[in-house]
Amino acid sequence: MYIESYKKFIVWQRSMELAKEIYGVTEKLPGHELYAFVSQMRRAAISIPSNIAEGYKRSGIGEFLHFLSIADASAAELETQLLLVKDIYRKIDFTKCEELLLEVQKMLIVMIKKLRDKKSLNAQRLTLNARKGFTLVELLVTMTLFLVVVSIATSVFISTLRTQRETVALIAANSNASLTLEQMSREIRTGTGFVMKGSDLAFTNAKSESVEYHLDSGTHTLQRSTDGGATFLPLTADNVSVQRATFRLWNGDPAVPYPPRITIALGVGAVGVPFTTSVANLEVSVSARSLQ
């Protein structure tokens, strides 16, 4: 039976519920887990419905199976993280998350098996149709084409494999960089006293800490300081290579009581991938909630 949208899949609907539940329960974790359990669990949870949707929009059963396998792997990753975090933080109830995750995993297994069976049946039909025989000329032409294809495939195999790995690495880096932008935006919205210190953005956050955002051009990491720039700690994940970071501050017209607006623009690549060939440009504008 044809399904006109990935939103009709029960497994997609349940995985969306799971992602929302993970977002809610990770809010209860301590603040120092923001860049550990919180970011990793949210990324894994978001990956499940995202890959189901992307796979459905791809052409062919093979590609759909590939993305469903990624969703299943993300579910296994989230399962491991849940097992660990519930042992460490026993007072937090993860029951709803575990129930939804188990339901999603079972449906993914069934869905993958059905698609594999369908793919196998299609292959068998193609094989039966091919058993009608060839004339000598057709056989020679077929063999010649086969040799040409093998030759081309051999010459580009290594290049194709490298490109695929670079693409996967860039997608992961882009996801982690987007999460970093989200975390920065939350802190900026409640900040005051915004100023530019050279190319760095400095302000006071809701905890009265002197925050400064800075790009370390040596390590290609976006960094954050809470002691006025004396000590910087990395904001971006280990797999993210930030080549460009621009902060633009607009303090508004003194005659018109508008809050400051900050624009953050990043040029992001993946560690180990040539930046000149693989880059994602990310930008977000955030308005503070209070006047300067």
C-alpha atoms as a PDB file:
ATOM      1  CA  MET A   1       0.000   0.000   0.000  1.00  0.00           C
ATOM      2  CA  TYR A   2       1.399   3.404  -1.055  1.00  0.00           C
ATOM      3  CA  ILE A   3       2.031   5.932   1.737  1.00  0.00           C
ATOM      4  CA  GLU A   4       1.971   9.534   0.497  1.00  0.00           C
ATOM      5  CA  SER A   5       4.083  11.009   3.321  1.00  0.00           C
ATOM      6  CA  TYR A   6       6.674   9.841   5.840  1.00  0.00           C
ATOM      7  CA  LYS A   7       4.496  11.523   8.479  1.00  0.00           C
ATOM      8  CA  LYS A   8       2.026   8.649   8.061  1.00  0.00           C
ATOM      9  CA  PHE A   9       4.538   6.088   9.321  1.00  0.00           C
ATOM     10  CA  ILE A  10       3.772   5.108  12.913  1.00  0.00           C
ATOM     11  CA  VAL A  11       7.491   4.604  13.544  1.00  0.00           C
ATOM     12  CA  TRP A  12       8.180   8.236  12.519  1.00  0.00           C
ATOM     13  CA  GLN A  13       5.391   9.492  14.781  1.00  0.00           C
ATOM     14  CA  ARG A  14       6.682   7.483  17.772  1.00  0.00           C
ATOM     15  CA  SER A  15      10.267   8.605  17.161  1.00  0.00           C
ATOM     16  CA  MET A  16       9.103  12.239  17.156  1.00  0.00           C
ATOM     17  CA  GLU A  17       7.427  11.620  20.540  1.00  0.00           C
ATOM     18  CA  LEU A  18      10.668  10.030  21.741  1.00  0.00           C
ATOM     19  CA  ALA A  19      12.744  13.050  20.672  1.00  0.00           C
ATOM     20  CA  LYS A  20      10.393  15.419  22.519  1.00  0.00           C
ATOM     21  CA  GLU A  21      10.525  13.215  25.624  1.00  0.00           C
ATOM     22  CA  ILE A  22      14.349  13.155  25.494  1.00  0.00           C
ATOM     23  CA  TYR A  23      14.421  16.955  25.272  1.00  0.00           C
ATOM     24  CA  GLY A  24      12.154  17.180  28.309  1.00  0.00           C
ATOM     25  CA  VAL A  25      13.975  14.681  30.500  1.00  0.00           C
ATOM     26  CA  THR A  26      17.471  16.015  29.696  1.00  0.00           C
ATOM     27  CA  GLU A  27      16.355  19.414  31.025  1.00  0.00           C
ATOM     28  CA  LYS A  28      16.429  17.749  34.461  1.00  0.00           C
ATOM     29  CA  LEU A  29      20.101  16.832  34.190  1.00  0.00           C
ATOM     30  CA  PRO A  30      22.715  19.022  35.942  1.00  0.00           C
ATOM     31  CA  GLY A  31      24.139  21.967  34.030  1.00  0.00           C
ATOM     32  CA  HIS A  32      27.599  20.403  33.720  1.00  0.00           C
ATOM     33  CA  GLU A  33      26.074  17.651  31.547  1.00  0.00           C
ATOM     34  CA  LEU A  34      25.077  20.175  28.848  1.00  0.00           C
ATOM     35  CA  TYR A  35      27.966  19.237  26.562  1.00  0.00           C
ATOM     36  CA  ALA A  36      27.955  15.543  27.498  1.00  0.00           C
ATOM     37  CA  PHE A  37      24.764  13.543  28.054  1.00  0.00           C
ATOM     38  CA  VAL A  38      22.388  16.368  27.047  1.00  0.00           C
ATOM     39  CA  SER A  39      23.909  17.128  23.634  1.00  0.00           C
ATOM     40  CA  GLN A  40      24.649  13.482  22.765  1.00  0.00           C
ATOM     41  CA  MET A  41      21.209  12.135  23.750  1.00  0.00           C
ATOM     42  CA  ARG A  42      19.373  14.928  21.924  1.00  0.00           C
ATOM     43  CA  ARG A  43      21.473  14.449  18.785  1.00  0.00           C
ATOM     44  CA  ALA A  44      20.824  10.681  18.750  1.00  0.00           C
ATOM     45  CA  ALA A  45      17.081  11.164  19.369  1.00  0.00           C
ATOM     46  CA  ILE A  46      16.757  13.752  16.577  1.00  0.00           C
ATOM     47  CA  SER A  47      18.664  11.480  14.179  1.00  0.00           C
ATOM     48  CA  ILE A  48      15.985   8.739  14.281  1.00  0.00           C
ATOM     49  CA  PRO A  49      12.954  10.569  12.756  1.00  0.00           C
ATOM     50  CA  SER A  50      15.280  12.682  10.564  1.00  0.00           C
ATOM     51  CA  ASN A  51      16.784   9.629   8.835  1.00  0.00           C
ATOM     52  CA  ILE A  52      13.376   7.970   8.430  1.00  0.00           C
ATOM     53  CA  ALA A  53      12.108  11.104   6.677  1.00  0.00           C
ATOM     54  CA  GLU A  54      15.217  11.551   4.502  1.00  0.00           C
ATOM     55  CA  GLY A  55      15.279   7.887   3.505  1.00  0.00           C
ATOM     56  CA  TYR A  56      11.617   7.998   2.446  1.00  0.00           C
ATOM     57  CA  LYS A  57      12.343  10.974   0.165  1.00  0.00           C
ATOM     58  CA  ARG A  58      15.299   9.210  -1.487  1.00  0.00           C
ATOM     59  CA  SER A  59      14.848   7.237  -4.701  1.00  0.00           C
ATOM     60  CA  GLY A  60      14.711   3.461  -4.437  1.00  0.00           C
ATOM     61  CA  ILE A  61      14.385   0.837  -1.739  1.00  0.00           C
ATOM     62  CA  GLY A  62      18.155   0.528  -1.341  1.00  0.00           C
ATOM     63  CA  GLU A  63      18.612   4.134  -0.228  1.00  0.00           C
ATOM     64  CA  PHE A  64      15.585   3.940   2.080  1.00  0.00           C
ATOM     65  CA  LEU A  65      17.098   0.840   3.718  1.00  0.00           C
ATOM     66  CA  HIS A  66      20.412   2.688   4.149  1.00  0.00           C
ATOM     67  CA  PHE A  67      18.814   5.570   6.058  1.00  0.00           C
ATOM     68  CA  LEU A  68      16.620   3.234   8.110  1.00  0.00           C
ATOM     69  CA  SER A  69      19.805   1.437   9.159  1.00  0.00           C
ATOM     70  CA  ILE A  70      21.271   4.779  10.286  1.00  0.00           C
ATOM     71  CA  ALA A  71      18.083   5.476  12.282  1.00  0.00           C
ATOM     72  CA  ASP A  72      18.362   2.017  13.879  1.00  0.00           C
ATOM     73  CA  ALA A  73      22.012   2.686  14.760  1.00  0.00           C
ATOM     74  CA  SER A  74      21.066   6.024  16.358  1.00  0.00           C
ATOM     75  CA  ALA A  75      18.396   4.195  18.379  1.00  0.00           C
ATOM     76  CA  ALA A  76      21.052   1.769  19.651  1.00  0.00           C
ATOM     77  CA  GLU A  77      23.294   4.724  20.538  1.00  0.00           C
ATOM     78  CA  LEU A  78      20.453   6.370  22.475  1.00  0.00           C
ATOM     79  CA  GLU A  79      19.678   3.065  24.224  1.00  0.00           C
ATOM     80  CA  THR A  80      23.271   2.860  25.480  1.00  0.00           C
ATOM     81  CA  GLN A  81      23.186   6.462  26.695  1.00  0.00           C
ATOM     82  CA  LEU A  82      19.897   5.855  28.541  1.00  0.00           C
ATOM     83  CA  LEU A  83      21.309   2.790  30.275  1.00  0.00           C
ATOM     84  CA  LEU A  84      24.294   4.806  31.468  1.00  0.00           C
ATOM     85  CA  VAL A  85      22.527   8.006  32.489  1.00  0.00           C
ATOM     86  CA  LYS A  86      19.779   6.269  34.478  1.00  0.00           C
ATOM     87  CA  ASP A  87      22.442   4.423  36.501  1.00  0.00           C
ATOM     88  CA  ILE A  88      24.170   7.712  37.307  1.00  0.00           C
ATOM     89  CA  TYR A  89      21.036   9.813  37.956  1.00  0.00           C
ATOM     90  CA  ARG A  90      18.695   7.368  39.639  1.00  0.00           C
ATOM     91  CA  LYS A  91      16.224  10.011  40.846  1.00  0.00           C
ATOM     92  CA  ILE A  92      15.233  10.953  37.281  1.00  0.00           C
ATOM     93  CA  ASP A  93      12.487   8.833  35.707  1.00  0.00           C
ATOM     94  CA  PHE A  94      13.500   7.623  32.233  1.00  0.00           C
ATOM     95  CA  THR A  95      10.693   5.021  31.968  1.00  0.00           C
ATOM     96  CA  LYS A  96       8.692   6.831  29.261  1.00  0.00           C
ATOM     97  CA  CYS A  97      11.856   7.291  27.148  1.00  0.00           C
ATOM     98  CA  GLU A  98      12.748   3.589  27.436  1.00  0.00           C
ATOM     99  CA  GLU A  99       9.220   2.474  26.500  1.00  0.00           C
ATOM    100  CA  LEU A 100       9.085   4.722  23.420  1.00  0.00           C
ATOM    101  CA  LEU A 101      12.609   3.722  22.357  1.00  0.00           C
ATOM    102  CA  LEU A 102      11.794  -0.009  22.596  1.00  0.00           C
ATOM    103  CA  GLU A 103       8.642   0.518  20.516  1.00  0.00           C
ATOM    104  CA  VAL A 104      10.583   2.456  17.858  1.00  0.00           C
ATOM    105  CA  GLN A 105      13.341  -0.185  17.688  1.00  0.00           C
ATOM    106  CA  LYS A 106      10.825  -3.018  17.181  1.00  0.00           C
ATOM    107  CA  MET A 107       9.053  -1.133  14.377  1.00  0.00           C
ATOM    108  CA  LEU A 108      12.340  -0.289  12.668  1.00  0.00           C
ATOM    109  CA  ILE A 109      13.365  -3.963  12.678  1.00  0.00           C
ATOM    110  CA  VAL A 110      10.047  -5.007  11.103  1.00  0.00           C
ATOM    111  CA  MET A 111      10.193  -2.191   8.536  1.00  0.00           C
ATOM    112  CA  ILE A 112      13.775  -3.012   7.510  1.00  0.00           C
ATOM    113  CA  LYS A 113      12.944  -6.730   7.127  1.00  0.00           C
ATOM    114  CA  LYS A 114       9.911  -6.015   4.930  1.00  0.00           C
ATOM    115  CA  LEU A 115      11.891  -3.701   2.652  1.00  0.00           C
ATOM    116  CA  ARG A 116      14.746  -6.198   2.356  1.00  0.00           C
ATOM    117  CA  ASP A 117      12.273  -8.940   1.405  1.00  0.00           C
ATOM    118  CA  LYS A 118      10.721  -6.645  -1.192  1.00  0.00           C
ATOM    119  CA  LYS A 119      14.137  -5.744  -2.608  1.00  0.00           C
ATOM    120  CA  SER A 120      15.080  -9.432  -2.827  1.00  0.00           C
ATOM    121  CA  LEU A 121      11.824 -10.280  -4.626  1.00  0.00           C
ATOM    122  CA  ASN A 122      12.423  -7.506  -7.183  1.00  0.00           C
ATOM    123  CA  ALA A 123      15.939  -8.831  -7.795  1.00  0.00           C
ATOM    124  CA  GLN A 124      14.591 -12.349  -8.379  1.00  0.00           C
ATOM    125  CA  ARG A 125      12.099 -11.039 -10.942  1.00  0.00           C
ATOM    126  CA  LEU A 126      14.867  -9.229 -12.807  1.00  0.00           C
ATOM    127  CA  THR A 127      16.932 -12.436 -12.835  1.00  0.00           C
ATOM    128  CA  LEU A 128      14.049 -14.464 -14.305  1.00  0.00           C
ATOM    129  CA  ASN A 129      13.527 -11.894 -17.046  1.00  0.00           C
ATOM    130  CA  ALA A 130      17.212 -12.004 -17.901  1.00  0.00           C
ATOM    131  CA  ARG A 131      17.170 -15.787 -18.520  1.00  0.00           C
ATOM    132  CA  LYS A 132      15.812 -15.486 -22.039  1.00  0.00           C
ATOM    133  CA  GLY A 133      19.239 -15.950 -23.597  1.00  0.00           C
ATOM    134  CA  PHE A 134      21.565 -13.804 -25.735  1.00  0.00           C
ATOM    135  CA  THR A 135      22.666 -13.933 -29.332  1.00  0.00           C
ATOM    136  CA  LEU A 136      26.423 -14.057 -29.948  1.00  0.00           C
ATOM    137  CA  VAL A 137      26.504 -10.372 -30.925  1.00  0.00           C
ATOM    138  CA  GLU A 138      24.500  -9.377 -27.872  1.00  0.00           C
ATOM    139  CA  LEU A 139      26.815 -11.396 -25.647  1.00  0.00           C
ATOM    140  CA  LEU A 140      29.914  -9.706 -27.117  1.00  0.00           C
ATOM    141  CA  VAL A 141      28.376  -6.245 -26.719  1.00  0.00           C
ATOM    142  CA  THR A 142      27.342  -7.034 -23.156  1.00  0.00           C
ATOM    143  CA  MET A 143      30.792  -8.293 -22.232  1.00  0.00           C
ATOM    144  CA  THR A 144      32.414  -5.199 -23.755  1.00  0.00           C
ATOM    145  CA  LEU A 145      30.124  -2.871 -21.818  1.00  0.00           C
ATOM    146  CA  PHE A 146      30.777  -4.853 -18.661  1.00  0.00           C
ATOM    147  CA  LEU A 147      34.542  -4.481 -19.042  1.00  0.00           C
ATOM    148  CA  VAL A 148      34.186  -0.741 -19.632  1.00  0.00           C
ATOM    149  CA  VAL A 149      32.022  -0.333 -16.537  1.00  0.00           C
ATOM    150  CA  VAL A 150      34.431  -2.382 -14.401  1.00  0.00           C
ATOM    151  CA  SER A 151      37.330  -0.265 -15.609  1.00  0.00           C
ATOM    152  CA  ILE A 152      35.573   3.003 -14.768  1.00  0.00           C
ATOM    153  CA  ALA A 153      34.353   1.710 -11.414  1.00  0.00           C
ATOM    154  CA  THR A 154      37.857   0.601 -10.448  1.00  0.00           C
ATOM    155  CA  SER A 155      39.376   3.990 -11.277  1.00  0.00           C
ATOM    156  CA  VAL A 156      36.847   5.998  -9.250  1.00  0.00           C
ATOM    157  CA  PHE A 157      36.251   3.628  -6.333  1.00  0.00           C
ATOM    158  CA  ILE A 158      38.763   5.173  -3.943  1.00  0.00           C
ATOM    159  CA  SER A 159      37.656   8.714  -4.789  1.00  0.00           C
ATOM    160  CA  THR A 160      33.978   7.833  -4.295  1.00  0.00           C
ATOM    161  CA  LEU A 161      34.623   6.141  -0.959  1.00  0.00           C
ATOM    162  CA  ARG A 162      36.555   9.172   0.281  1.00  0.00           C
ATOM    163  CA  THR A 163      33.782  11.536  -0.814  1.00  0.00           C
ATOM    164  CA  GLN A 164      31.145   9.460   0.997  1.00  0.00           C
ATOM    165  CA  ARG A 165      33.166   9.483   4.213  1.00  0.00           C
ATOM    166  CA  GLU A 166      33.693  13.243   3.957  1.00  0.00           C
ATOM    167  CA  THR A 167      29.962  13.799   3.465  1.00  0.00           C
ATOM    168  CA  VAL A 168      29.041  11.743   6.543  1.00  0.00           C
ATOM    169  CA  ALA A 169      31.682  13.580   8.605  1.00  0.00           C
ATOM    170  CA  LEU A 170      30.395  16.985   7.448  1.00  0.00           C
ATOM    171  CA  ILE A 171      26.784  16.103   8.313  1.00  0.00           C
ATOM    172  CA  ALA A 172      27.819  15.095  11.843  1.00  0.00           C
ATOM    173  CA  ALA A 173      29.923  18.265  12.283  1.00  0.00           C
ATOM    174  CA  ASN A 174      27.085  20.443  10.987  1.00  0.00           C
ATOM    175  CA  SER A 175      24.666  18.852  13.468  1.00  0.00           C
ATOM    176  CA  ASN A 176      27.001  19.485  16.414  1.00  0.00           C
ATOM    177  CA  ALA A 177      27.742  23.064  15.287  1.00  0.00           C
ATOM    178  CA  SER A 178      23.997  23.784  15.047  1.00  0.00           C
ATOM    179  CA  LEU A 179      23.583  22.578  18.625  1.00  0.00           C
ATOM    180  CA  THR A 180      26.379  24.934  19.722  1.00  0.00           C
ATOM    181  CA  LEU A 181      24.608  27.876  18.027  1.00  0.00           C
ATOM    182  CA  GLU A 182      21.402  26.951  19.844  1.00  0.00           C
ATOM    183  CA  GLN A 183      23.212  26.955  23.213  1.00  0.00           C
ATOM    184  CA  MET A 184      24.846  30.321  22.493  1.00  0.00           C
ATOM    185  CA  SER A 185      21.510  31.822  21.424  1.00  0.00           C
ATOM    186  CA  ARG A 186      19.883  30.826  24.716  1.00  0.00           C
ATOM    187  CA  GLU A 187      22.630  32.522  26.711  1.00  0.00           C
ATOM    188  CA  ILE A 188      22.602  35.679  24.560  1.00  0.00           C
ATOM    189  CA  ARG A 189      18.828  36.148  24.898  1.00  0.00           C
ATOM    190  CA  THR A 190      19.169  36.693  28.650  1.00  0.00           C
ATOM    191  CA  GLY A 191      22.434  38.665  28.452  1.00  0.00           C
ATOM    192  CA  THR A 192      23.184  42.382  28.952  1.00  0.00           C
ATOM    193  CA  GLY A 193      26.054  44.786  28.343  1.00  0.00           C
ATOM    194  CA  PHE A 194      27.014  43.534  24.885  1.00  0.00           C
ATOM    195  CA  VAL A 195      30.306  44.856  23.483  1.00  0.00           C
ATOM    196  CA  MET A 196      32.784  43.818  20.802  1.00  0.00           C
ATOM    197  CA  LYS A 197      36.342  43.094  21.991  1.00  0.00           C
ATOM    198  CA  GLY A 198      38.121  43.062  18.673  1.00  0.00           C
ATOM    199  CA  SER A 199      36.498  40.177  16.821  1.00  0.00           C
ATOM    200  CA  ASP A 200      35.137  38.633  20.074  1.00  0.00           C
ATOM    201  CA  LEU A 201      31.680  39.118  21.567  1.00  0.00           C
ATOM    202  CA  ALA A 202      31.564  39.950  25.296  1.00  0.00           C
ATOM    203  CA  PHE A 203      28.566  40.403  27.608  1.00  0.00           C
ATOM    204  CA  THR A 204      27.166  39.557  31.044  1.00  0.00           C
ATOM    205  CA  ASN A 205      24.896  36.505  31.220  1.00  0.00           C
ATOM    206  CA  ALA A 206      21.914  35.815  33.489  1.00  0.00           C
ATOM    207  CA  LYS A 207      24.278  34.405  36.170  1.00  0.00           C
ATOM    208  CA  SER A 208      26.240  37.711  36.225  1.00  0.00           C
ATOM    209  CA  GLU A 209      29.237  35.988  34.601  1.00  0.00           C
ATOM    210  CA  SER A 210      31.481  37.940  32.217  1.00  0.00           C
ATOM    211  CA  VAL A 211      31.060  35.814  29.098  1.00  0.00           C
ATOM    212  CA  GLU A 212      33.249  36.106  26.003  1.00  0.00           C
ATOM    213  CA  TYR A 213      32.960  34.120  22.764  1.00  0.00           C
ATOM    214  CA  HIS A 214      36.185  33.675  20.798  1.00  0.00           C
ATOM    215  CA  LEU A 215      37.448  31.737  17.752  1.00  0.00           C
ATOM    216  CA  ASP A 216      40.805  30.043  18.307  1.00  0.00           C
ATOM    217  CA  SER A 217      42.346  30.109  14.833  1.00  0.00           C
ATOM    218  CA  GLY A 218      45.021  27.611  15.876  1.00  0.00           C
ATOM    219  CA  THR A 219      42.699  24.802  16.951  1.00  0.00           C
ATOM    220  CA  HIS A 220      39.723  25.968  14.828  1.00  0.00           C
ATOM    221  CA  THR A 221      37.411  25.755  17.839  1.00  0.00           C
ATOM    222  CA  LEU A 222      34.784  28.188  19.051  1.00  0.00           C
ATOM    223  CA  GLN A 223      35.558  28.937  22.702  1.00  0.00           C
ATOM    224  CA  ARG A 224      33.799  30.490  25.705  1.00  0.00           C
ATOM    225  CA  SER A 225      35.123  32.294  28.754  1.00  0.00           C
ATOM    226  CA  THR A 226      33.240  33.121  31.974  1.00  0.00           C
ATOM    227  CA  ASP A 227      36.043  35.050  33.692  1.00  0.00           C
ATOM    228  CA  GLY A 228      36.434  38.027  31.375  1.00  0.00           C
ATOM    229  CA  GLY A 229      38.658  36.266  28.859  1.00  0.00           C
ATOM    230  CA  ALA A 230      41.274  34.857  31.242  1.00  0.00           C
ATOM    231  CA  THR A 231      40.396  31.207  30.543  1.00  0.00           C
ATOM    232  CA  PHE A 232      38.681  29.824  27.452  1.00  0.00           C
ATOM    233  CA  LEU A 233      37.036  26.400  27.127  1.00  0.00           C
ATOM    234  CA  PRO A 234      35.859  24.852  23.836  1.00  0.00           C
ATOM    235  CA  LEU A 235      32.198  25.164  22.877  1.00  0.00           C
ATOM    236  CA  THR A 236      32.277  23.062  19.724  1.00  0.00           C
ATOM    237  CA  ALA A 237      32.613  19.275  19.629  1.00  0.00           C
ATOM    238  CA  ASP A 238      35.878  17.487  18.778  1.00  0.00           C
ATOM    239  CA  ASN A 239      34.726  16.659  15.228  1.00  0.00           C
ATOM    240  CA  VAL A 240      33.912  20.301  14.329  1.00  0.00           C
ATOM    241  CA  SER A 241      36.447  22.536  12.557  1.00  0.00           C
ATOM    242  CA  VAL A 242      35.377  26.206  12.700  1.00  0.00           C
ATOM    243  CA  GLN A 243      37.287  28.137  10.038  1.00  0.00           C
ATOM    244  CA  ARG A 244      35.283  31.359  10.200  1.00  0.00           C
ATOM    245  CA  ALA A 245      33.369  32.990  13.054  1.00  0.00           C
ATOM    246  CA  THR A 246      31.880  36.481  12.773  1.00  0.00           C
ATOM    247  CA  PHE A 247      29.937  38.333  15.466  1.00  0.00           C
ATOM    248  CA  ARG A 248      27.935  41.402  14.438  1.00  0.00           C
ATOM    249  CA  LEU A 249      26.442  43.589  17.186  1.00  0.00           C
ATOM    250  CA  TRP A 250      23.674  46.120  16.651  1.00  0.00           C
ATOM    251  CA  ASN A 251      22.900  48.156  19.767  1.00  0.00           C
ATOM    252  CA  GLY A 252      19.932  49.939  18.227  1.00  0.00           C
ATOM    253  CA  ASP A 253      18.999  53.598  18.080  1.00  0.00           C
ATOM    254  CA  PRO A 254      19.409  55.273  21.517  1.00  0.00           C
ATOM    255  CA  ALA A 255      16.245  57.238  20.773  1.00  0.00           C
ATOM    256  CA  VAL A 256      14.250  54.053  20.171  1.00  0.00           C
ATOM    257  CA  PRO A 257      14.145  51.507  23.039  1.00  0.00           C
ATOM    258  CA  TYR A 258      14.958  48.339  21.088  1.00  0.00           C
ATOM    259  CA  PRO A 259      17.094  45.575  22.652  1.00  0.00           C
ATOM    260  CA  PRO A 260      20.490  44.690  21.112  1.00  0.00           C
ATOM    261  CA  ARG A 261      20.621  42.212  18.230  1.00  0.00           C
ATOM    262  CA  ILE A 262      23.553  39.865  17.633  1.00  0.00           C
ATOM    263  CA  THR A 263      24.260  37.919  14.421  1.00  0.00           C
ATOM    264  CA  ILE A 264      26.575  34.899  14.530  1.00  0.00           C
ATOM    265  CA  ALA A 265      27.980  33.536  11.250  1.00  0.00           C
ATOM    266  CA  LEU A 266      30.097  30.364  11.146  1.00  0.00           C
ATOM    267  CA  GLY A 267      32.003  28.547   8.410  1.00  0.00           C
ATOM    268  CA  VAL A 268      32.056  24.942   9.599  1.00  0.00           C
ATOM    269  CA  GLY A 269      33.887  21.881   8.331  1.00  0.00           C
ATOM    270  CA  ALA A 270      34.696  18.451   9.740  1.00  0.00           C
ATOM    271  CA  VAL A 271      38.005  17.554  11.365  1.00  0.00           C
ATOM    272  CA  GLY A 272      40.149  15.614   8.895  1.00  0.00           C
ATOM    273  CA  VAL A 273      38.176  16.830   5.867  1.00  0.00           C
ATOM    274  CA  PRO A 274      39.706  19.491   3.535  1.00  0.00           C
ATOM    275  CA  PHE A 275      37.885  22.716   4.337  1.00  0.00           C
ATOM    276  CA  THR A 276      38.201  23.997   0.791  1.00  0.00           C
ATOM    277  CA  THR A 277      35.992  21.193  -0.548  1.00  0.00           C
ATOM    278  CA  SER A 278      33.521  20.616   2.313  1.00  0.00           C
ATOM    279  CA  VAL A 279      31.966  23.527   4.208  1.00  0.00           C
ATOM    280  CA  ALA A 280      28.643  24.423   5.780  1.00  0.00           C
ATOM    281  CA  ASN A 281      27.770  28.071   6.354  1.00  0.00           C
ATOM    282  CA  LEU A 282      25.607  28.611   9.429  1.00  0.00           C
ATOM    283  CA  GLU A 283      24.092  31.914  10.581  1.00  0.00           C
ATOM    284  CA  VAL A 284      21.666  32.954  13.309  1.00  0.00           C
ATOM    285  CA  SER A 285      20.426  36.337  14.605  1.00  0.00           C
ATOM    286  CA  VAL A 286      19.398  36.686  18.244  1.00  0.00           C
ATOM    287  CA  SER A 287      17.748  39.578  20.088  1.00  0.00           C
ATOM    288  CA  ALA A 288      18.373  40.096  23.783  1.00  0.00           C
ATOM    289  CA  ARG A 289      15.275  40.198  25.972  1.00  0.00           C
ATOM    290  CA  SER A 290      16.298  43.316  27.879  1.00  0.00           C
ATOM    291  CA  LEU A 291      17.438  46.794  26.807  1.00  0.00           C
ATOM    292  CA  GLN A 292      21.086  47.830  27.167  1.00  0.00           C
END
